[in-house]
Amino acid sequence: MTAAARTTARISARTSTRTSSRPVHPFRLLADGFLWLVTLQTRARMRAALAELDDRQLADAGLSRAELMAGLARPFWRR
């Protein structure tokens, strides 16, 4: 599991289990925001690394150039 996947899993696990109507602690909001920024940075780095691969390396990873370009066209904050 990649660092981005672990971070996303932690954020979704925290947000999906909140059922009380208590306000969220400001430090929790700060921590969640920091994890979100780390996730965005990791995604941007991974997409930049994929963009540098040649066709042979992409084929080894099971991707085509068209699939890569479609993925790179999306904003980095989207999955």
PDB file of N, CA and C in Angstrom:
ATOM      1  N   MET A   1       0.846  -1.170   0.000  1.00  0.00           N
ATOM      2  CA  MET A   1       0.000   0.000   0.000  1.00  0.00           C
ATOM      3  C   MET A   1       0.894   1.237   0.000  1.00  0.00           C
ATOM      4  N   THR A   2       0.584   2.180  -0.853  1.00  0.00           N
ATOM      5  CA  THR A   2       1.399   3.386  -0.958  1.00  0.00           C
ATOM      6  C   THR A   2       1.091   4.341   0.193  1.00  0.00           C
ATOM      7  N   ALA A   3       1.963   5.311   0.357  1.00  0.00           N
ATOM      8  CA  ALA A   3       1.768   6.304   1.422  1.00  0.00           C
ATOM      9  C   ALA A   3       0.482   7.092   1.196  1.00  0.00           C
ATOM     10  N   ALA A   4       0.197   7.408  -0.054  1.00  0.00           N
ATOM     11  CA  ALA A   4      -1.030   8.159  -0.348  1.00  0.00           C
ATOM     12  C   ALA A   4      -2.264   7.338  -0.001  1.00  0.00           C
ATOM     13  N   ALA A   5      -2.228   6.036  -0.303  1.00  0.00           N
ATOM     14  CA  ALA A   5      -3.370   5.178   0.011  1.00  0.00           C
ATOM     15  C   ALA A   5      -3.558   5.051   1.513  1.00  0.00           C
ATOM     16  N   ARG A   6      -2.450   4.937   2.259  1.00  0.00           N
ATOM     17  CA  ARG A   6      -2.565   4.863   3.719  1.00  0.00           C
ATOM     18  C   ARG A   6      -3.137   6.150   4.286  1.00  0.00           C
ATOM     19  N   THR A   7      -2.680   7.285   3.773  1.00  0.00           N
ATOM     20  CA  THR A   7      -3.155   8.578   4.256  1.00  0.00           C
ATOM     21  C   THR A   7      -4.634   8.740   3.953  1.00  0.00           C
ATOM     22  N   THR A   8      -5.033   8.396   2.744  1.00  0.00           N
ATOM     23  CA  THR A   8      -6.438   8.497   2.367  1.00  0.00           C
ATOM     24  C   THR A   8      -7.294   7.579   3.213  1.00  0.00           C
ATOM     25  N   ALA A   9      -6.806   6.374   3.500  1.00  0.00           N
ATOM     26  CA  ALA A   9      -7.550   5.434   4.335  1.00  0.00           C
ATOM     27  C   ALA A   9      -7.720   5.972   5.752  1.00  0.00           C
ATOM     28  N   ARG A  10      -6.665   6.603   6.277  1.00  0.00           N
ATOM     29  CA  ARG A  10      -6.767   7.173   7.624  1.00  0.00           C
ATOM     30  C   ARG A  10      -7.786   8.295   7.677  1.00  0.00           C
ATOM     31  N   ILE A  11      -7.781   9.159   6.672  1.00  0.00           N
ATOM     32  CA  ILE A  11      -8.723  10.282   6.653  1.00  0.00           C
ATOM     33  C   ILE A  11     -10.145   9.770   6.523  1.00  0.00           C
ATOM     34  N   SER A  12     -10.387   8.846   5.604  1.00  0.00           N
ATOM     35  CA  SER A  12     -11.747   8.357   5.412  1.00  0.00           C
ATOM     36  C   SER A  12     -12.217   7.545   6.612  1.00  0.00           C
ATOM     37  N   ALA A  13     -11.316   6.828   7.270  1.00  0.00           N
ATOM     38  CA  ALA A  13     -11.708   6.073   8.458  1.00  0.00           C
ATOM     39  C   ALA A  13     -12.129   7.015   9.577  1.00  0.00           C
ATOM     40  N   ARG A  14     -11.415   8.120   9.710  1.00  0.00           N
ATOM     41  CA  ARG A  14     -11.757   9.085  10.756  1.00  0.00           C
ATOM     42  C   ARG A  14     -13.060   9.791  10.473  1.00  0.00           C
ATOM     43  N   THR A  15     -13.272  10.182   9.230  1.00  0.00           N
ATOM     44  CA  THR A  15     -14.461  10.956   8.907  1.00  0.00           C
ATOM     45  C   THR A  15     -15.703  10.095   8.826  1.00  0.00           C
ATOM     46  N   SER A  16     -15.564   8.823   8.458  1.00  0.00           N
ATOM     47  CA  SER A  16     -16.743   7.982   8.316  1.00  0.00           C
ATOM     48  C   SER A  16     -17.256   7.471   9.658  1.00  0.00           C
ATOM     49  N   THR A  17     -16.447   7.483  10.702  1.00  0.00           N
ATOM     50  CA  THR A  17     -16.887   6.957  11.989  1.00  0.00           C
ATOM     51  C   THR A  17     -17.486   8.021  12.899  1.00  0.00           C
ATOM     52  N   ARG A  18     -17.447   9.278  12.472  1.00  0.00           N
ATOM     53  CA  ARG A  18     -18.017  10.341  13.299  1.00  0.00           C
ATOM     54  C   ARG A  18     -19.531  10.320  13.187  1.00  0.00           C
ATOM     55  N   THR A  19     -20.182   9.974  14.273  1.00  0.00           N
ATOM     56  CA  THR A  19     -21.638   9.949  14.273  1.00  0.00           C
ATOM     57  C   THR A  19     -22.214  10.902  15.310  1.00  0.00           C
ATOM     58  N   SER A  20     -21.399  11.405  16.207  1.00  0.00           N
ATOM     59  CA  SER A  20     -21.914  12.301  17.234  1.00  0.00           C
ATOM     60  C   SER A  20     -22.064  13.702  16.671  1.00  0.00           C
ATOM     61  N   SER A  21     -22.835  14.508  17.363  1.00  0.00           N
ATOM     62  CA  SER A  21     -23.050  15.877  16.913  1.00  0.00           C
ATOM     63  C   SER A  21     -22.078  16.843  17.592  1.00  0.00           C
ATOM     64  N   ARG A  22     -21.087  16.299  18.307  1.00  0.00           N
ATOM     65  CA  ARG A  22     -20.094  17.160  18.946  1.00  0.00           C
ATOM     66  C   ARG A  22     -19.256  17.853  17.900  1.00  0.00           C
ATOM     67  N   PRO A  23     -18.851  19.092  18.180  1.00  0.00           N
ATOM     68  CA  PRO A  23     -17.964  19.759  17.219  1.00  0.00           C
ATOM     69  C   PRO A  23     -16.596  19.077  17.160  1.00  0.00           C
ATOM     70  N   VAL A  24     -15.973  19.166  16.011  1.00  0.00           N
ATOM     71  CA  VAL A  24     -14.661  18.567  15.814  1.00  0.00           C
ATOM     72  C   VAL A  24     -13.610  19.483  16.421  1.00  0.00           C
ATOM     73  N   HIS A  25     -12.661  18.896  17.095  1.00  0.00           N
ATOM     74  CA  HIS A  25     -11.596  19.666  17.738  1.00  0.00           C
ATOM     75  C   HIS A  25     -10.760  20.373  16.660  1.00  0.00           C
ATOM     76  N   PRO A  26     -10.381  21.635  16.890  1.00  0.00           N
ATOM     77  CA  PRO A  26      -9.596  22.368  15.880  1.00  0.00           C
ATOM     78  C   PRO A  26      -8.291  21.685  15.493  1.00  0.00           C
ATOM     79  N   PHE A  27      -7.651  21.012  16.441  1.00  0.00           N
ATOM     80  CA  PHE A  27      -6.411  20.309  16.107  1.00  0.00           C
ATOM     81  C   PHE A  27      -6.673  19.141  15.172  1.00  0.00           C
ATOM     82  N   ARG A  28      -7.839  18.514  15.303  1.00  0.00           N
ATOM     83  CA  ARG A  28      -8.207  17.416  14.404  1.00  0.00           C
ATOM     84  C   ARG A  28      -8.376  17.973  12.991  1.00  0.00           C
ATOM     85  N   LEU A  29      -9.017  19.142  12.890  1.00  0.00           N
ATOM     86  CA  LEU A  29      -9.171  19.762  11.571  1.00  0.00           C
ATOM     87  C   LEU A  29      -7.813  20.107  10.975  1.00  0.00           C
ATOM     88  N   LEU A  30      -6.929  20.600  11.795  1.00  0.00           N
ATOM     89  CA  LEU A  30      -5.585  20.937  11.338  1.00  0.00           C
ATOM     90  C   LEU A  30      -4.838  19.683  10.879  1.00  0.00           C
ATOM     91  N   ALA A  31      -4.937  18.625  11.656  1.00  0.00           N
ATOM     92  CA  ALA A  31      -4.263  17.368  11.299  1.00  0.00           C
ATOM     93  C   ALA A  31      -4.843  16.790  10.008  1.00  0.00           C
ATOM     94  N   ASP A  32      -6.170  16.817   9.872  1.00  0.00           N
ATOM     95  CA  ASP A  32      -6.794  16.311   8.647  1.00  0.00           C
ATOM     96  C   ASP A  32      -6.379  17.148   7.440  1.00  0.00           C
ATOM     97  N   GLY A  33      -6.304  18.457   7.633  1.00  0.00           N
ATOM     98  CA  GLY A  33      -5.865  19.319   6.542  1.00  0.00           C
ATOM     99  C   GLY A  33      -4.432  19.034   6.149  1.00  0.00           C
ATOM    100  N   PHE A  34      -3.577  18.791   7.130  1.00  0.00           N
ATOM    101  CA  PHE A  34      -2.180  18.468   6.845  1.00  0.00           C
ATOM    102  C   PHE A  34      -2.085  17.147   6.086  1.00  0.00           C
ATOM    103  N   LEU A  35      -2.841  16.135   6.521  1.00  0.00           N
ATOM    104  CA  LEU A  35      -2.822  14.846   5.827  1.00  0.00           C
ATOM    105  C   LEU A  35      -3.330  14.986   4.395  1.00  0.00           C
ATOM    106  N   TRP A  36      -4.330  15.845   4.193  1.00  0.00           N
ATOM    107  CA  TRP A  36      -4.856  16.077   2.851  1.00  0.00           C
ATOM    108  C   TRP A  36      -3.777  16.697   1.967  1.00  0.00           C
ATOM    109  N   LEU A  37      -3.037  17.673   2.505  1.00  0.00           N
ATOM    110  CA  LEU A  37      -1.959  18.298   1.740  1.00  0.00           C
ATOM    111  C   LEU A  37      -0.849  17.302   1.404  1.00  0.00           C
ATOM    112  N   VAL A  38      -0.520  16.434   2.350  1.00  0.00           N
ATOM    113  CA  VAL A  38       0.485  15.398   2.099  1.00  0.00           C
ATOM    114  C   VAL A  38      -0.003  14.457   0.998  1.00  0.00           C
ATOM    115  N   THR A  39      -1.281  14.117   1.023  1.00  0.00           N
ATOM    116  CA  THR A  39      -1.851  13.256  -0.007  1.00  0.00           C
ATOM    117  C   THR A  39      -1.757  13.916  -1.378  1.00  0.00           C
ATOM    118  N   LEU A  40      -2.087  15.201  -1.448  1.00  0.00           N
ATOM    119  CA  LEU A  40      -2.003  15.917  -2.724  1.00  0.00           C
ATOM    120  C   LEU A  40      -0.562  15.965  -3.239  1.00  0.00           C
ATOM    121  N   GLN A  41       0.371  16.212  -2.336  1.00  0.00           N
ATOM    122  CA  GLN A  41       1.779  16.281  -2.723  1.00  0.00           C
ATOM    123  C   GLN A  41       2.261  14.918  -3.230  1.00  0.00           C
ATOM    124  N   THR A  42       1.850  13.850  -2.568  1.00  0.00           N
ATOM    125  CA  THR A  42       2.248  12.504  -2.969  1.00  0.00           C
ATOM    126  C   THR A  42       1.674  12.165  -4.338  1.00  0.00           C
ATOM    127  N   ARG A  43       0.396  12.505  -4.558  1.00  0.00           N
ATOM    128  CA  ARG A  43      -0.213  12.246  -5.866  1.00  0.00           C
ATOM    129  C   ARG A  43       0.507  13.009  -6.969  1.00  0.00           C
ATOM    130  N   ALA A  44       0.824  14.269  -6.708  1.00  0.00           N
ATOM    131  CA  ALA A  44       1.517  15.077  -7.718  1.00  0.00           C
ATOM    132  C   ALA A  44       2.884  14.485  -8.037  1.00  0.00           C
ATOM    133  N   ARG A  45       3.597  14.022  -7.007  1.00  0.00           N
ATOM    134  CA  ARG A  45       4.904  13.404  -7.227  1.00  0.00           C
ATOM    135  C   ARG A  45       4.796  12.114  -8.030  1.00  0.00           C
ATOM    136  N   MET A  46       3.796  11.288  -7.690  1.00  0.00           N
ATOM    137  CA  MET A  46       3.621  10.019  -8.395  1.00  0.00           C
ATOM    138  C   MET A  46       3.267  10.253  -9.858  1.00  0.00           C
ATOM    139  N   ARG A  47       2.409  11.229 -10.124  1.00  0.00           N
ATOM    140  CA  ARG A  47       2.044  11.521 -11.512  1.00  0.00           C
ATOM    141  C   ARG A  47       3.237  12.063 -12.293  1.00  0.00           C
ATOM    142  N   ALA A  48       4.060  12.883 -11.654  1.00  0.00           N
ATOM    143  CA  ALA A  48       5.256  13.398 -12.324  1.00  0.00           C
ATOM    144  C   ALA A  48       6.222  12.258 -12.640  1.00  0.00           C
ATOM    145  N   ALA A  49       6.364  11.316 -11.718  1.00  0.00           N
ATOM    146  CA  ALA A  49       7.250  10.168 -11.958  1.00  0.00           C
ATOM    147  C   ALA A  49       6.716   9.299 -13.089  1.00  0.00           C
ATOM    148  N   LEU A  50       5.412   9.092 -13.142  1.00  0.00           N
ATOM    149  CA  LEU A  50       4.824   8.302 -14.228  1.00  0.00           C
ATOM    150  C   LEU A  50       5.013   8.989 -15.573  1.00  0.00           C
ATOM    151  N   ALA A  51       4.948  10.304 -15.587  1.00  0.00           N
ATOM    152  CA  ALA A  51       5.102  11.044 -16.845  1.00  0.00           C
ATOM    153  C   ALA A  51       6.493  10.870 -17.439  1.00  0.00           C
ATOM    154  N   GLU A  52       7.473  10.559 -16.621  1.00  0.00           N
ATOM    155  CA  GLU A  52       8.843  10.399 -17.101  1.00  0.00           C
ATOM    156  C   GLU A  52       9.135   9.000 -17.651  1.00  0.00           C
ATOM    157  N   LEU A  53       8.228   8.046 -17.463  1.00  0.00           N
ATOM    158  CA  LEU A  53       8.473   6.682 -17.927  1.00  0.00           C
ATOM    159  C   LEU A  53       8.334   6.581 -19.439  1.00  0.00           C
ATOM    160  N   ASP A  54       9.130   5.702 -20.043  1.00  0.00           N
ATOM    161  CA  ASP A  54       8.993   5.463 -21.483  1.00  0.00           C
ATOM    162  C   ASP A  54       7.938   4.373 -21.706  1.00  0.00           C
ATOM    163  N   ASP A  55       7.637   4.099 -22.981  1.00  0.00           N
ATOM    164  CA  ASP A  55       6.565   3.154 -23.309  1.00  0.00           C
ATOM    165  C   ASP A  55       6.843   1.745 -22.784  1.00  0.00           C
ATOM    166  N   ARG A  56       8.101   1.310 -22.821  1.00  0.00           N
ATOM    167  CA  ARG A  56       8.442  -0.032 -22.329  1.00  0.00           C
ATOM    168  C   ARG A  56       8.187  -0.137 -20.829  1.00  0.00           C
ATOM    169  N   GLN A  57       8.585   0.893 -20.092  1.00  0.00           N
ATOM    170  CA  GLN A  57       8.368   0.879 -18.642  1.00  0.00           C
ATOM    171  C   GLN A  57       6.884   0.949 -18.308  1.00  0.00           C
ATOM    172  N   LEU A  58       6.133   1.729 -19.087  1.00  0.00           N
ATOM    173  CA  LEU A  58       4.684   1.790 -18.867  1.00  0.00           C
ATOM    174  C   LEU A  58       4.040   0.431 -19.129  1.00  0.00           C
ATOM    175  N   ALA A  59       4.504  -0.260 -20.172  1.00  0.00           N
ATOM    176  CA  ALA A  59       3.961  -1.589 -20.477  1.00  0.00           C
ATOM    177  C   ALA A  59       4.265  -2.562 -19.341  1.00  0.00           C
ATOM    178  N   ASP A  60       5.448  -2.453 -18.743  1.00  0.00           N
ATOM    179  CA  ASP A  60       5.789  -3.297 -17.599  1.00  0.00           C
ATOM    180  C   ASP A  60       4.849  -3.040 -16.416  1.00  0.00           C
ATOM    181  N   ALA A  61       4.398  -1.800 -16.283  1.00  0.00           N
ATOM    182  CA  ALA A  61       3.476  -1.440 -15.198  1.00  0.00           C
ATOM    183  C   ALA A  61       2.029  -1.730 -15.571  1.00  0.00           C
ATOM    184  N   GLY A  62       1.785  -2.162 -16.815  1.00  0.00           N
ATOM    185  CA  GLY A  62       0.431  -2.487 -17.249  1.00  0.00           C
ATOM    186  C   GLY A  62      -0.361  -1.272 -17.701  1.00  0.00           C
ATOM    187  N   LEU A  63       0.331  -0.218 -18.126  1.00  0.00           N
ATOM    188  CA  LEU A  63      -0.334   0.999 -18.586  1.00  0.00           C
ATOM    189  C   LEU A  63       0.046   1.295 -20.025  1.00  0.00           C
ATOM    190  N   SER A  64      -0.854   1.947 -20.730  1.00  0.00           N
ATOM    191  CA  SER A  64      -0.523   2.431 -22.067  1.00  0.00           C
ATOM    192  C   SER A  64      -0.281   3.935 -21.985  1.00  0.00           C
ATOM    193  N   ARG A  65       0.294   4.481 -23.035  1.00  0.00           N
ATOM    194  CA  ARG A  65       0.554   5.924 -23.061  1.00  0.00           C
ATOM    195  C   ARG A  65      -0.771   6.690 -23.005  1.00  0.00           C
ATOM    196  N   ALA A  66      -1.820   6.173 -23.660  1.00  0.00           N
ATOM    197  CA  ALA A  66      -3.129   6.843 -23.662  1.00  0.00           C
ATOM    198  C   ALA A  66      -3.736   6.865 -22.251  1.00  0.00           C
ATOM    199  N   GLU A  67      -3.615   5.739 -21.535  1.00  0.00           N
ATOM    200  CA  GLU A  67      -4.123   5.694 -20.159  1.00  0.00           C
ATOM    201  C   GLU A  67      -3.374   6.673 -19.264  1.00  0.00           C
ATOM    202  N   LEU A  68      -2.067   6.752 -19.462  1.00  0.00           N
ATOM    203  CA  LEU A  68      -1.263   7.683 -18.682  1.00  0.00           C
ATOM    204  C   LEU A  68      -1.674   9.123 -18.958  1.00  0.00           C
ATOM    205  N   MET A  69      -1.838   9.462 -20.234  1.00  0.00           N
ATOM    206  CA  MET A  69      -2.223  10.828 -20.587  1.00  0.00           C
ATOM    207  C   MET A  69      -3.606  11.178 -20.031  1.00  0.00           C
ATOM    208  N   ALA A  70      -4.517  10.215 -20.042  1.00  0.00           N
ATOM    209  CA  ALA A  70      -5.846  10.463 -19.468  1.00  0.00           C
ATOM    210  C   ALA A  70      -5.741  10.716 -17.965  1.00  0.00           C
ATOM    211  N   GLY A  71      -4.887   9.962 -17.298  1.00  0.00           N
ATOM    212  CA  GLY A  71      -4.686  10.156 -15.867  1.00  0.00           C
ATOM    213  C   GLY A  71      -3.998  11.472 -15.539  1.00  0.00           C
ATOM    214  N   LEU A  72      -3.064  11.873 -16.392  1.00  0.00           N
ATOM    215  CA  LEU A  72      -2.343  13.129 -16.165  1.00  0.00           C
ATOM    216  C   LEU A  72      -3.214  14.341 -16.472  1.00  0.00           C
ATOM    217  N   ALA A  73      -4.244  14.168 -17.282  1.00  0.00           N
ATOM    218  CA  ALA A  73      -5.123  15.284 -17.625  1.00  0.00           C
ATOM    219  C   ALA A  73      -6.022  15.680 -16.450  1.00  0.00           C
ATOM    220  N   ARG A  74      -6.263  14.748 -15.543  1.00  0.00           N
ATOM    221  CA  ARG A  74      -7.094  15.060 -14.388  1.00  0.00           C
ATOM    222  C   ARG A  74      -6.315  15.934 -13.415  1.00  0.00           C
ATOM    223  N   PRO A  75      -7.013  16.792 -12.678  1.00  0.00           N
ATOM    224  CA  PRO A  75      -6.337  17.575 -11.631  1.00  0.00           C
ATOM    225  C   PRO A  75      -5.764  16.638 -10.560  1.00  0.00           C
ATOM    226  N   PHE A  76      -4.636  17.012  -9.968  1.00  0.00           N
ATOM    227  CA  PHE A  76      -3.968  16.117  -9.025  1.00  0.00           C
ATOM    228  C   PHE A  76      -4.755  15.901  -7.738  1.00  0.00           C
ATOM    229  N   TRP A  77      -5.739  16.731  -7.459  1.00  0.00           N
ATOM    230  CA  TRP A  77      -6.514  16.536  -6.238  1.00  0.00           C
ATOM    231  C   TRP A  77      -7.642  15.527  -6.436  1.00  0.00           C
ATOM    232  N   ARG A  78      -7.834  15.079  -7.673  1.00  0.00           N
ATOM    233  CA  ARG A  78      -8.832  14.029  -7.934  1.00  0.00           C
ATOM    234  C   ARG A  78      -8.121  12.703  -8.077  1.00  0.00           C
ATOM    235  N   ARG A  79      -8.804  11.643  -7.704  1.00  0.00           N
ATOM    236  CA  ARG A  79      -8.217  10.302  -7.796  1.00  0.00           C
ATOM    237  C   ARG A  79      -8.177   9.817  -9.193  1.00  0.00           C
TER     238      ARG A  79
END
